Structures are given as structure tokens and as C-alpha cells.
Protein backbone atom coordinates (compact mmCIF):
# COMPACT_ATOMS: atom_id res chain seq x y z
CA MET A 1 -1.64 -2.95 -11.81
CA GLY A 2 0.62 -5.35 -9.97
CA TYR A 3 4.31 -5.68 -9.26
CA ASP A 4 6.81 -7.69 -7.29
CA GLY A 5 8.58 -5.02 -5.26
CA SER A 6 11.66 -7.13 -4.49
CA ALA A 7 13.91 -5.50 -7.09
CA PHE A 8 12.49 -1.98 -6.87
CA ALA A 9 13.55 0.98 -4.74
CA GLY A 10 9.87 1.72 -4.19
CA TRP A 11 7.21 3.32 -6.34
CA ALA A 12 8.45 6.91 -6.69
CA ARG A 13 11.15 8.09 -9.06
CA GLN A 14 14.58 8.48 -7.44
CA PRO A 15 17.82 9.49 -9.16
CA GLY A 16 19.82 6.47 -10.23
CA GLN A 17 17.29 3.97 -8.80
CA ARG A 18 15.04 1.39 -10.43
CA THR A 19 11.51 2.29 -9.36
CA VAL A 20 8.05 1.19 -10.48
CA GLN A 21 7.13 4.71 -11.60
CA LEU A 22 10.26 4.97 -13.75
CA VAL A 23 9.70 1.59 -15.41
CA LEU A 24 6.03 2.26 -16.12
CA GLU A 25 6.62 5.78 -17.44
CA GLU A 26 9.35 4.55 -19.79
CA ALA A 27 7.10 1.75 -21.06
CA LEU A 28 4.20 4.13 -21.69
CA ALA A 29 6.44 6.61 -23.48
CA THR A 30 7.69 3.82 -25.73
CA VAL A 31 4.25 2.46 -26.58
CA LEU A 32 2.69 5.91 -27.06
CA ARG A 33 5.74 7.24 -28.94
CA LEU A 34 6.03 10.24 -26.68
CA PRO A 35 9.22 11.84 -25.33
CA SER A 36 7.96 11.37 -21.77
CA VAL A 37 4.90 10.38 -19.75
CA ARG A 38 4.15 11.13 -16.11
CA VAL A 39 1.93 8.90 -13.99
CA SER A 40 0.33 9.20 -10.55
CA CYS A 41 -0.62 6.29 -8.30
CA ALA A 42 -3.08 5.59 -5.51
CA GLY A 43 -0.43 4.57 -2.98
CA ARG A 44 3.32 5.21 -3.15
CA THR A 45 4.77 1.96 -1.88
CA ASP A 46 8.19 1.71 -0.24
CA ALA A 47 11.17 -0.30 -1.42
CA GLY A 48 10.40 -4.02 -1.33
CA VAL A 49 6.62 -3.60 -0.96
CA HIS A 50 4.44 -5.42 -3.52
CA ALA A 51 1.12 -4.60 -5.18
CA ARG A 52 -1.58 -6.40 -7.08
CA GLY A 53 -4.27 -3.74 -6.79
CA GLN A 54 -2.33 -0.54 -7.51
CA VAL A 55 -4.22 2.09 -9.53
CA VAL A 56 -2.40 4.56 -11.78
CA HIS A 57 -3.48 7.37 -14.06
CA ALA A 58 -1.71 9.32 -16.78
CA ASP A 59 -2.80 12.35 -18.79
CA VAL A 60 -1.74 11.78 -22.40
CA PRO A 61 -2.62 13.56 -25.67
CA ASN A 62 -5.35 11.94 -27.72
CA HIS A 63 -3.23 11.86 -30.88
CA ALA A 64 -0.86 9.44 -29.11
CA PHE A 65 -3.52 7.41 -27.33
CA ALA A 66 -6.15 6.96 -30.04
CA PRO A 67 -4.06 4.75 -32.40
CA VAL A 68 -3.26 2.24 -29.63
CA ARG A 69 -6.41 2.50 -27.53
CA ALA A 70 -7.64 -1.01 -28.30
CA THR A 71 -4.23 -2.67 -27.89
CA LEU A 72 -2.52 -0.61 -25.18
CA GLY A 73 -2.64 -3.33 -22.55
CA TYR A 74 -1.19 -5.90 -24.94
CA ARG A 75 1.55 -3.50 -26.08
CA LEU A 76 2.51 -2.70 -22.50
CA ALA A 77 2.82 -6.41 -21.73
CA GLY A 78 5.44 -6.66 -24.45
CA VAL A 79 7.49 -3.75 -23.10
CA LEU A 80 7.20 -4.00 -19.31
CA PRO A 81 9.62 -6.23 -17.38
CA PRO A 82 8.17 -9.45 -15.92
CA ASP A 83 7.96 -8.05 -12.38
CA VAL A 84 5.41 -5.39 -13.46
CA ARG A 85 2.03 -6.04 -15.09
CA ALA A 86 -0.87 -3.81 -16.15
CA PRO A 87 -3.77 -6.26 -16.57
CA ARG A 88 -6.42 -3.60 -17.10
CA VAL A 89 -6.13 -0.36 -19.06
CA GLN A 90 -9.09 1.96 -19.64
CA VAL A 91 -10.10 5.56 -20.17
CA ALA A 92 -10.67 7.28 -16.82
CA PRO A 93 -13.94 9.13 -16.20
CA PRO A 94 -13.86 12.93 -15.84
CA GLY A 95 -12.51 14.16 -12.51
CA PHE A 96 -10.62 10.94 -11.77
CA ASP A 97 -7.36 11.15 -9.82
CA ALA A 98 -5.74 7.85 -8.84
CA ARG A 99 -4.55 9.24 -5.50
CA PHE A 100 -7.02 11.86 -4.39
CA SER A 101 -10.24 10.30 -5.70
CA ALA A 102 -9.67 7.12 -3.69
CA LEU A 103 -11.99 6.34 -0.79
CA GLY A 104 -9.71 3.73 0.71
CA ARG A 105 -6.73 1.41 0.36
CA ARG A 106 -6.47 -2.17 1.54
CA TYR A 107 -3.17 -3.85 2.32
CA ALA A 108 -2.30 -7.38 3.39
CA TYR A 109 0.68 -8.30 5.54
CA ARG A 110 1.62 -11.99 5.59
CA VAL A 111 3.58 -13.79 8.29
CA SER A 112 4.72 -17.38 8.74
CA ASP A 113 5.29 -18.36 12.37
CA THR A 114 6.21 -21.99 11.71
CA ALA A 115 9.40 -23.42 13.19
CA TYR A 116 10.84 -24.23 9.76
CA GLY A 117 10.34 -20.80 8.16
CA VAL A 118 8.66 -19.76 4.92
CA ASP A 119 7.79 -21.81 1.84
CA PRO A 120 10.69 -20.98 -0.53
CA LEU A 121 8.23 -20.05 -3.27
CA ARG A 122 6.69 -17.40 -1.00
CA ARG A 123 9.84 -16.01 0.57
CA HIS A 124 9.51 -12.71 -1.30
CA ASN A 125 6.07 -11.81 0.12
CA VAL A 126 5.85 -13.59 3.50
CA LEU A 127 7.79 -12.67 6.65
CA TRP A 128 9.20 -15.43 8.84
CA HIS A 129 8.47 -14.57 12.48
CA ARG A 130 10.46 -16.90 14.69
CA ARG A 131 7.91 -16.98 17.52
CA ALA A 132 4.40 -18.41 17.45
CA ILE A 133 1.72 -15.69 17.39
CA ASP A 134 -1.77 -15.62 18.89
CA LEU A 135 -4.15 -14.06 16.34
CA ASP A 136 -6.96 -13.63 18.88
CA GLN A 137 -4.73 -11.44 21.03
CA MET A 138 -3.62 -9.47 17.97
CA ASN A 139 -7.20 -8.93 16.83
CA THR A 140 -8.22 -7.71 20.28
CA ALA A 141 -5.36 -5.21 20.19
CA GLY A 142 -6.18 -4.18 16.63
CA ARG A 143 -9.80 -3.35 17.42
CA MET A 144 -8.62 -0.72 19.92
CA LEU A 145 -6.95 1.18 17.05
CA LEU A 146 -9.93 1.47 14.72
CA GLY A 147 -11.63 4.74 13.80
CA GLU A 148 -10.43 8.23 13.04
CA GLN A 149 -7.22 8.75 15.00
CA ASP A 150 -3.98 10.68 14.92
CA PHE A 151 -1.51 7.93 14.04
CA ALA A 152 1.59 10.04 14.67
CA ALA A 153 3.01 7.31 16.91
CA PHE A 154 2.93 4.86 13.99
CA CYS A 155 4.05 7.17 11.17
CA ARG A 156 7.23 8.73 9.93
CA ARG A 157 6.37 12.42 9.97
CA ARG A 158 6.63 14.54 6.83
CA GLU A 159 6.79 18.32 6.96
CA GLY A 160 3.34 19.84 6.57
CA ALA A 161 1.55 16.48 6.29
CA THR A 162 -1.21 15.31 8.59
CA THR A 163 -1.09 11.97 10.41
CA VAL A 164 -4.86 11.80 10.97
CA ARG A 165 -6.34 8.72 9.31
CA THR A 166 -9.48 6.59 9.58
CA LEU A 167 -8.54 2.96 10.15
CA ARG A 168 -11.51 0.83 9.10
CA THR A 169 -10.20 -2.73 9.28
CA LEU A 170 -7.30 -4.40 11.09
CA HIS A 171 -7.93 -8.12 11.27
CA TRP A 172 -5.70 -11.21 11.26
CA SER A 173 -6.68 -14.63 9.94
CA ARG A 174 -5.00 -17.81 8.73
CA GLU A 175 -4.81 -18.54 5.02
CA ASP A 176 -5.23 -22.10 3.75
CA ASP A 177 -1.49 -22.81 4.01
CA GLY A 178 -1.31 -21.59 7.62
CA VAL A 179 0.21 -18.20 6.84
CA ALA A 180 -1.13 -15.43 9.11
CA ALA A 181 -2.46 -12.55 7.05
CA ALA A 182 -3.52 -9.12 8.28
CA SER A 183 -6.16 -7.26 6.27
CA ILE A 184 -5.63 -3.55 6.89
CA GLU A 185 -7.89 -0.92 5.35
CA ALA A 186 -8.03 2.86 5.83
CA ASP A 187 -9.00 5.94 3.90
CA ALA A 188 -5.26 6.52 3.49
CA PHE A 189 -1.99 5.63 5.20
CA CYS A 190 0.93 7.79 6.22
CA HIS A 191 4.54 6.74 5.72
CA ASN A 192 5.41 3.42 7.43
CA MET A 193 2.01 3.29 9.15
CA VAL A 194 0.99 -0.23 8.07
CA ARG A 195 4.36 -1.78 8.86
CA ALA A 196 4.55 -0.04 12.24
CA LEU A 197 1.08 -1.28 13.17
CA VAL A 198 2.07 -4.80 12.15
CA GLY A 199 5.27 -4.57 14.19
CA ALA A 200 3.32 -3.53 17.28
CA LEU A 201 0.75 -6.30 16.87
CA LEU A 202 3.41 -8.96 16.36
CA ALA A 203 4.86 -7.95 19.73
CA VAL A 204 1.42 -8.58 21.24
CA GLY A 205 0.92 -11.82 19.37
CA ASP A 206 4.14 -13.42 20.54
CA GLY A 207 3.67 -12.30 24.14
CA ARG A 208 6.32 -9.60 24.39
CA ARG A 209 3.72 -6.88 24.98
CA PRO A 210 0.25 -6.79 26.60
CA VAL A 211 -2.89 -6.45 24.52
CA GLN A 212 -3.47 -2.81 25.45
CA TRP A 213 0.06 -1.68 24.56
CA PRO A 214 -0.55 -0.58 20.92
CA ALA A 215 -3.51 1.56 22.04
CA GLU A 216 -1.35 3.14 24.73
CA VAL A 217 1.30 3.96 22.14
CA LEU A 218 -1.36 5.48 19.88
CA ALA A 219 -2.74 7.63 22.72
CA ALA A 220 0.74 8.91 23.61
CA GLY A 221 1.07 10.28 20.07
CA VAL A 222 4.87 10.01 20.02
CA ARG A 223 6.94 7.85 17.71
CA THR A 224 9.01 5.48 19.85
CA ALA A 225 11.80 3.03 19.10
CA ASP A 226 9.81 0.41 21.04
CA VAL A 227 7.59 0.01 17.95
CA HIS A 228 9.56 -1.96 15.39
CA VAL A 229 8.60 -1.42 11.77
CA ALA A 230 7.96 -4.79 10.14
CA PRO A 231 10.08 -5.62 7.06
CA ALA A 232 8.78 -4.40 3.72
CA HIS A 233 8.58 -7.68 1.83
CA GLY A 234 5.59 -9.02 3.81
CA LEU A 235 3.39 -6.12 2.64
CA THR A 236 1.15 -6.06 -0.45
CA LEU A 237 -1.22 -3.35 -1.67
CA GLU A 238 -4.30 -5.44 -2.46
CA ALA A 239 -7.02 -3.01 -3.56
CA VAL A 240 -8.08 0.63 -3.90
CA THR A 241 -11.72 1.73 -3.78
CA TYR A 242 -13.35 4.73 -5.48
CA PRO A 243 -16.77 6.40 -5.41
CA PRO A 244 -19.13 6.30 -8.41
CA ALA A 245 -17.99 8.43 -11.35
CA ALA A 246 -20.22 11.35 -10.35
CA GLY A 247 -18.42 11.66 -7.01
CA LEU A 248 -14.79 11.40 -8.17
CA ALA A 249 -14.04 15.13 -8.43
CA ALA A 250 -15.70 15.93 -5.09
CA GLN A 251 -13.75 13.18 -3.34
CA ALA A 252 -10.50 14.47 -4.85
CA GLY A 253 -11.22 17.95 -3.54
CA ALA A 254 -12.04 16.68 -0.07
CA ALA A 255 -8.92 14.51 0.07
CA ARG A 256 -6.67 17.46 -0.74
CA ARG A 257 -7.77 19.35 2.37
CA LYS A 258 -5.54 18.85 5.41
CA ARG A 259 -7.30 16.91 8.16
CA GLU A 260 -7.21 17.59 11.87
CA LEU A 261 -8.94 15.81 14.74
CA THR A 262 -11.84 17.77 16.16
């Protein structure tokens, strides 16, 4: 599914806040004629973060689902607000869990470094960085961060949660309109990790920090105020990958185990 995160307080339900989870659950409950529906997602995005490749699952009784199975996507389109869409709805295979069965998530972060700012039509999903950035320098710095690492220095810690992740891709390129876009893929991301990585690489790209600085921060393993978390609106969840159906349950079990570096 996709959504424009501009008017949402993030994915997860929060008292008194408009969130993507709340809007989707209310829409599903309406269409399925149930008192309530609970959904789980592949990646819980923060306030202002967008998605066009979010994956969600819901366990619903067959008596509610069967009558609308063929038209559920169409019915949701008529109930959901225009900043949320569910273009594909299907029955999940056995053992599927949107979060824990995932093999990886891919985000994009988009930056305009032109003197005049951002195209007004893209102001909600592109950051204006007021200094020119060198993508070659940023890519050199990004390659030093790849692999299985403890990303504690780039994460907001949560009690009992691990910060060990496998970063597979961190690469910047120019899109056709000149916008600089980072493609960032990992098995999973901890809170604020993508935006903190982007903030560190922007400091390299505009010359405020040397190329080796992000790797030095990573090695120190301590969250520091020197790493500025990039604003949320430049970030989009682009895609989530899963194993073949036969491996979904096993992947979910493996993902639930707490990881430590060996």
C-alpha cells in the first residue's frame, strides 16, 4: 500500500492522533462490517514519512471476508481518504507475517541541492539542502557502513531491542530531474536509522565532515548530537521483499530472535 505521510502522525496508533494504522483499520472494519480490525505492517514509519511499497496483513474471519473477496480493493478505495491507497489486496499464504516474514526493506531519501529549492509539486517528499553535495564522496562514505553492524550510533534505542542490522545497499544517484536520491536497503531498520545515516552522509557530501567520519561514528557505537537526523518528509518506504511461500514461517521465526554481533 502507499500513503502520503504529510498529514499523519506516523504509522502506529496513538491516542488522539491521525495515523495510517487507525485510518486503514477503520476502513477495513467498515468494508468488512466488523466492530474492529487490527493490522500489522512491514515497517512502522514515523510522522511525515511516506510509503508506496508498504505491506500490511490482517487476520479476519472468513464470514466477513468471503462476501467481499472479489471487490475488497475497490471497496477500500471508496472508503479510504485520498492520501492512503491499497492498490493490491490478496489472501496471504500460510505462515505470512508482514513484519517478521520480510527479508528486507528498501527506502529512498530524496534531496534537492539546487540554489532555488525544491519543485513546489515535490515539496512534500524532497528535502531542500542548501549546500551542493558530492555524491561520489557520499557513496564512498556509505560503502564503509555496509554489512552486519551494530548501528547503535545511528539509532534511537528502545528497551530490550537490538540495534544489530545488515545494511545491504546505501547508494546515491541523480534522478532525471536532478534530485539526489539515496537507495537504502537492509534486513530491517531500527528507529531513526535511515534518517540518521542520511544526515551523516549529507555532512560528508557538503564538505562539513571527512569521508571516514560516518564509519568512525559507527565504530564508536554511541549516539552523538553531531549526527543530525534528516527531516522525515524526504523519506519513502519503497519496497519490502519476502522469501517464497514455503519459507515464510521459518523467516518469521528467525526474525523474532534477538540478534547480537558475534
